[in-house]
Amino acid sequence: MFNGLLPIGSVVLLKNSTKRVMIIGFCQKEINDNEEAKIWDYAGCLYPEGYLGPNQTFLFNGDQIERIFAIGYQDEEQFEFKKKADSVIEQLRKKSAGQQEEQPQ
């Protein structure tokens, strides 16, 4: 499998899905009805249709990827961005895990 975040433009199949998704963003924050925030690794849109609007954008994590069909464009700029993004997501996960442990059940 791929180590760290996949680049923009990568095409993947998510577990329990039959339709492929193209990665269009990283580190997306979702606020639920209880005002709790969740950080997702990726934002994606249907492939090959592309972006059809905010109601057709999907948030998912790397562990939900079943298969990689294509890896997006990579160059030095993307490699530098990936290093920073991988680090930020790791820090956010640690912070989020710490907050969840502190909350009473």
C-alpha atoms as a PDB file:
ATOM      1  CA  MET A   1       0.000   0.000   0.000  1.00  0.00           C
ATOM      2  CA  PHE A   2       0.998   3.667  -0.148  1.00  0.00           C
ATOM      3  CA  ASN A   3       2.802   5.249   2.812  1.00  0.00           C
ATOM      4  CA  GLY A   4       1.145   8.456   4.052  1.00  0.00           C
ATOM      5  CA  LEU A   5      -1.298  10.606   2.124  1.00  0.00           C
ATOM      6  CA  LEU A   6      -2.036   9.895  -1.512  1.00  0.00           C
ATOM      7  CA  PRO A   7      -1.652  12.870  -3.876  1.00  0.00           C
ATOM      8  CA  ILE A   8      -4.532  14.905  -5.299  1.00  0.00           C
ATOM      9  CA  GLY A   9      -5.959  13.162  -8.337  1.00  0.00           C
ATOM     10  CA  SER A  10      -5.443   9.646  -6.987  1.00  0.00           C
ATOM     11  CA  VAL A  11      -8.326   7.305  -7.777  1.00  0.00           C
ATOM     12  CA  VAL A  12      -9.370   4.772  -5.144  1.00  0.00           C
ATOM     13  CA  LEU A  13     -12.103   2.304  -4.317  1.00  0.00           C
ATOM     14  CA  LEU A  14     -13.418   2.477  -0.763  1.00  0.00           C
ATOM     15  CA  LYS A  15     -14.316  -0.616   1.239  1.00  0.00           C
ATOM     16  CA  ASN A  16     -17.930  -1.763   0.749  1.00  0.00           C
ATOM     17  CA  SER A  17     -18.243   0.434  -2.343  1.00  0.00           C
ATOM     18  CA  THR A  18     -18.598  -0.215  -6.057  1.00  0.00           C
ATOM     19  CA  LYS A  19     -17.903   3.326  -7.329  1.00  0.00           C
ATOM     20  CA  ARG A  20     -14.421   4.813  -7.531  1.00  0.00           C
ATOM     21  CA  VAL A  21     -13.527   8.128  -5.875  1.00  0.00           C
ATOM     22  CA  MET A  22     -10.896  10.705  -6.886  1.00  0.00           C
ATOM     23  CA  ILE A  23      -9.057  12.527  -4.102  1.00  0.00           C
ATOM     24  CA  ILE A  24      -9.612  16.298  -4.274  1.00  0.00           C
ATOM     25  CA  GLY A  25      -8.524  17.455  -0.804  1.00  0.00           C
ATOM     26  CA  PHE A  26      -6.862  16.632   2.500  1.00  0.00           C
ATOM     27  CA  CYS A  27      -7.387  17.062   6.233  1.00  0.00           C
ATOM     28  CA  GLN A  28     -11.067  17.924   6.087  1.00  0.00           C
ATOM     29  CA  LYS A  29     -12.931  18.910   9.243  1.00  0.00           C
ATOM     30  CA  GLU A  30     -16.549  17.884   9.761  1.00  0.00           C
ATOM     31  CA  ILE A  31     -18.690  19.250  12.601  1.00  0.00           C
ATOM     32  CA  ASN A  32     -21.562  16.972  13.651  1.00  0.00           C
ATOM     33  CA  ASP A  33     -24.906  17.959  15.204  1.00  0.00           C
ATOM     34  CA  ASN A  34     -23.347  17.883  18.699  1.00  0.00           C
ATOM     35  CA  GLU A  35     -20.704  20.453  17.635  1.00  0.00           C
ATOM     36  CA  GLU A  36     -18.012  17.759  17.802  1.00  0.00           C
ATOM     37  CA  ALA A  37     -15.291  17.947  15.167  1.00  0.00           C
ATOM     38  CA  LYS A  38     -13.897  15.018  13.235  1.00  0.00           C
ATOM     39  CA  ILE A  39     -10.845  15.255  10.993  1.00  0.00           C
ATOM     40  CA  TRP A  40     -10.867  13.136   7.840  1.00  0.00           C
ATOM     41  CA  ASP A  41      -7.757  12.288   5.803  1.00  0.00           C
ATOM     42  CA  TYR A  42      -9.372  12.967   2.439  1.00  0.00           C
ATOM     43  CA  ALA A  43     -12.165  14.632   0.510  1.00  0.00           C
ATOM     44  CA  GLY A  44     -13.137  12.984  -2.745  1.00  0.00           C
ATOM     45  CA  CYS A  45     -15.551  13.130  -5.631  1.00  0.00           C
ATOM     46  CA  LEU A  46     -16.977  10.469  -7.897  1.00  0.00           C
ATOM     47  CA  TYR A  47     -14.739   9.218 -10.679  1.00  0.00           C
ATOM     48  CA  PRO A  48     -14.976   9.750 -13.637  1.00  0.00           C
ATOM     49  CA  GLU A  49     -17.795  12.264 -13.094  1.00  0.00           C
ATOM     50  CA  GLY A  50     -15.725  14.726 -11.041  1.00  0.00           C
ATOM     51  CA  TYR A  51     -16.955  17.394  -8.655  1.00  0.00           C
ATOM     52  CA  LEU A  52     -20.755  17.681  -8.835  1.00  0.00           C
ATOM     53  CA  GLY A  53     -21.295  19.909  -5.786  1.00  0.00           C
ATOM     54  CA  PRO A  54     -20.880  19.827  -2.009  1.00  0.00           C
ATOM     55  CA  ASN A  55     -23.563  17.155  -1.565  1.00  0.00           C
ATOM     56  CA  GLN A  56     -21.538  14.801  -3.764  1.00  0.00           C
ATOM     57  CA  THR A  57     -18.248  15.224  -1.881  1.00  0.00           C
ATOM     58  CA  PHE A  58     -17.132  12.306   0.263  1.00  0.00           C
ATOM     59  CA  LEU A  59     -14.963  12.378   3.392  1.00  0.00           C
ATOM     60  CA  PHE A  60     -12.898   9.307   4.230  1.00  0.00           C
ATOM     61  CA  ASN A  61      -9.744   8.032   5.904  1.00  0.00           C
ATOM     62  CA  GLY A  62      -6.862   6.064   4.487  1.00  0.00           C
ATOM     63  CA  ASP A  63      -7.921   2.904   6.318  1.00  0.00           C
ATOM     64  CA  GLN A  64     -11.175   2.934   4.330  1.00  0.00           C
ATOM     65  CA  ILE A  65      -9.337   2.537   1.014  1.00  0.00           C
ATOM     66  CA  GLU A  66      -9.644  -0.967  -0.383  1.00  0.00           C
ATOM     67  CA  ARG A  67      -7.785  -0.479  -3.670  1.00  0.00           C
ATOM     68  CA  ILE A  68      -5.712   2.207  -5.394  1.00  0.00           C
ATOM     69  CA  PHE A  69      -6.397   2.490  -9.129  1.00  0.00           C
ATOM     70  CA  ALA A  70      -4.169   5.498  -9.885  1.00  0.00           C
ATOM     71  CA  ILE A  71      -1.743   7.656  -7.960  1.00  0.00           C
ATOM     72  CA  GLY A  72      -2.017  11.388  -8.664  1.00  0.00           C
ATOM     73  CA  TYR A  73       0.715  13.648 -10.014  1.00  0.00           C
ATOM     74  CA  GLN A  74       3.824  13.949  -7.858  1.00  0.00           C
ATOM     75  CA  ASP A  75       6.716  16.398  -8.042  1.00  0.00           C
ATOM     76  CA  GLU A  76       9.033  18.119  -5.551  1.00  0.00           C
ATOM     77  CA  GLU A  77       6.316  20.563  -4.487  1.00  0.00           C
ATOM     78  CA  GLN A  78       3.893  17.713  -3.811  1.00  0.00           C
ATOM     79  CA  PHE A  79       6.544  15.740  -1.881  1.00  0.00           C
ATOM     80  CA  GLU A  80       7.217  18.750   0.377  1.00  0.00           C
ATOM     81  CA  PHE A  81       3.490  19.307   0.887  1.00  0.00           C
ATOM     82  CA  LYS A  82       3.004  15.604   1.695  1.00  0.00           C
ATOM     83  CA  LYS A  83       5.658  15.724   4.437  1.00  0.00           C
ATOM     84  CA  LYS A  84       3.928  18.674   6.099  1.00  0.00           C
ATOM     85  CA  ALA A  85       0.413  17.276   5.643  1.00  0.00           C
ATOM     86  CA  ASP A  86       1.368  13.836   7.000  1.00  0.00           C
ATOM     87  CA  SER A  87       2.837  15.534  10.086  1.00  0.00           C
ATOM     88  CA  VAL A  88      -0.199  17.792  10.633  1.00  0.00           C
ATOM     89  CA  ILE A  89      -2.663  14.913  10.332  1.00  0.00           C
ATOM     90  CA  GLU A  90      -0.631  12.825  12.786  1.00  0.00           C
ATOM     91  CA  GLN A  91      -0.632  15.695  15.301  1.00  0.00           C
ATOM     92  CA  LEU A  92      -4.379  16.242  14.880  1.00  0.00           C
ATOM     93  CA  ARG A  93      -5.054  12.532  15.439  1.00  0.00           C
ATOM     94  CA  LYS A  94      -2.987  12.520  18.622  1.00  0.00           C
ATOM     95  CA  LYS A  95      -4.752  15.648  19.867  1.00  0.00           C
ATOM     96  CA  SER A  96      -8.166  14.200  18.997  1.00  0.00           C
ATOM     97  CA  ALA A  97      -7.358  10.881  20.708  1.00  0.00           C
ATOM     98  CA  GLY A  98      -6.255  12.763  23.838  1.00  0.00           C
ATOM     99  CA  GLN A  99      -9.484  14.768  23.946  1.00  0.00           C
ATOM    100  CA  GLN A 100     -11.595  11.634  23.536  1.00  0.00           C
ATOM    101  CA  GLU A 101      -9.789   9.940  26.428  1.00  0.00           C
ATOM    102  CA  GLU A 102     -10.420  12.940  28.698  1.00  0.00           C
ATOM    103  CA  GLN A 103     -14.186  13.041  28.078  1.00  0.00           C
ATOM    104  CA  PRO A 104     -16.321  11.186  30.654  1.00  0.00           C
ATOM    105  CA  GLN A 105     -18.283   8.266  29.289  1.00  0.00           C
END
